Amino acid sequence: MQRDASAHLEHLLAPDERRTYCATLVTRVGRPADEILTYARDHAIALIVMGRDGHGTPTAATSIGSVAHAVAREARCPVLLVPAAND
């Protein structure tokens, strides 16, 4: 599954885009919020950007998912929550 996740990420962001945006593709195993927070702390990340993840519910425009909520609540750096492209 981790290999599939890595391949999917590589498909979403081409190598030239990774260089342009100084992006690093990382896959981790564990509870998502914990892994995001640990990575951010271990690598001195200055800003976490993630989707709100409303999953198409009637209140998706105003709600955030549990992972985004946990990260925003516990992060030691600013967290920017962005809506999905179809919101």
Protein backbone atom coordinates (compact mmCIF):
# COMPACT_ATOMS: atom_id res chain seq x y z
CA MET A 1 0.00 0.00 0.00
CA GLN A 2 2.83 2.38 0.78
CA ARG A 3 4.36 1.75 -2.65
CA ASP A 4 0.97 2.50 -4.28
CA ALA A 5 0.63 5.69 -2.24
CA SER A 6 4.10 6.83 -3.30
CA ALA A 7 3.33 6.10 -6.96
CA HIS A 8 0.07 8.05 -6.69
CA LEU A 9 1.88 11.07 -5.20
CA GLU A 10 4.53 10.96 -7.93
CA HIS A 11 1.75 10.97 -10.53
CA LEU A 12 0.08 14.02 -8.94
CA LEU A 13 3.20 16.20 -8.86
CA ALA A 14 5.72 15.89 -11.67
CA PRO A 15 9.46 16.17 -10.94
CA ASP A 16 9.70 19.67 -12.48
CA GLU A 17 6.77 20.82 -10.31
CA ARG A 18 8.47 19.36 -7.23
CA ARG A 19 11.56 21.43 -8.01
CA THR A 20 9.52 24.57 -8.70
CA TYR A 21 7.59 24.29 -5.42
CA CYS A 22 10.45 22.75 -3.38
CA ALA A 23 8.08 19.86 -2.63
CA THR A 24 9.12 16.63 -0.98
CA LEU A 25 6.86 13.61 -1.37
CA VAL A 26 6.57 11.55 1.80
CA THR A 27 4.46 8.56 2.77
CA ARG A 28 4.23 7.36 6.36
CA VAL A 29 2.43 4.56 8.16
CA GLY A 30 0.40 5.34 11.28
CA ARG A 31 -2.36 7.60 12.49
CA PRO A 32 -2.47 10.44 9.91
CA ALA A 33 -2.60 13.40 12.31
CA ASP A 34 0.20 11.97 14.47
CA GLU A 35 2.40 11.29 11.44
CA ILE A 36 1.84 14.79 10.02
CA LEU A 37 2.61 16.42 13.36
CA THR A 38 5.71 14.28 13.94
CA TYR A 39 7.06 14.98 10.45
CA ALA A 40 6.43 18.72 10.83
CA ARG A 41 8.20 18.81 14.20
CA ASP A 42 11.14 16.62 13.09
CA HIS A 43 11.75 18.69 9.95
CA ALA A 44 11.11 22.18 11.39
CA ILE A 45 8.21 22.76 9.01
CA ALA A 46 7.11 26.41 9.05
CA LEU A 47 3.61 25.95 7.57
CA ILE A 48 1.31 22.96 7.11
CA VAL A 49 -1.15 23.23 4.22
CA MET A 50 -3.92 20.66 4.04
CA GLY A 51 -7.45 20.19 2.77
CA ARG A 52 -10.44 20.69 5.01
CA ASP A 53 -11.85 17.32 3.87
CA GLY A 54 -15.61 17.72 4.16
CA HIS A 55 -16.34 14.48 2.19
CA GLY A 56 -19.30 16.04 0.38
CA THR A 57 -21.54 16.28 3.42
CA PRO A 58 -24.23 18.99 3.47
CA THR A 59 -22.08 21.04 5.85
CA ALA A 60 -18.83 20.46 3.98
CA ALA A 61 -18.42 24.17 3.26
CA THR A 62 -18.05 24.93 6.96
CA SER A 63 -16.73 21.72 8.50
CA ILE A 64 -13.29 20.17 8.61
CA GLY A 65 -12.30 16.55 8.86
CA SER A 66 -10.99 14.94 12.02
CA VAL A 67 -7.38 14.77 10.77
CA ALA A 68 -7.34 18.43 9.73
CA HIS A 69 -8.95 19.37 13.04
CA ALA A 70 -6.36 17.44 15.09
CA VAL A 71 -3.45 18.88 13.10
CA ALA A 72 -4.76 22.45 13.32
CA ARG A 73 -5.33 22.07 17.07
CA GLU A 74 -1.97 20.48 17.94
CA ALA A 75 0.54 21.83 15.42
CA ARG A 76 3.43 23.98 16.65
CA CYS A 77 3.37 25.97 13.40
CA PRO A 78 0.57 27.68 11.45
CA VAL A 79 -1.85 25.41 9.58
CA LEU A 80 -3.62 26.58 6.42
CA LEU A 81 -6.81 24.63 5.67
CA VAL A 82 -7.96 24.92 2.06
CA PRO A 83 -11.22 23.76 0.50
CA ALA A 84 -11.28 21.03 -2.12
CA ALA A 85 -11.27 22.25 -5.72
CA ASN A 86 -14.94 21.26 -6.06
CA ASP A 87 -16.15 23.09 -2.87
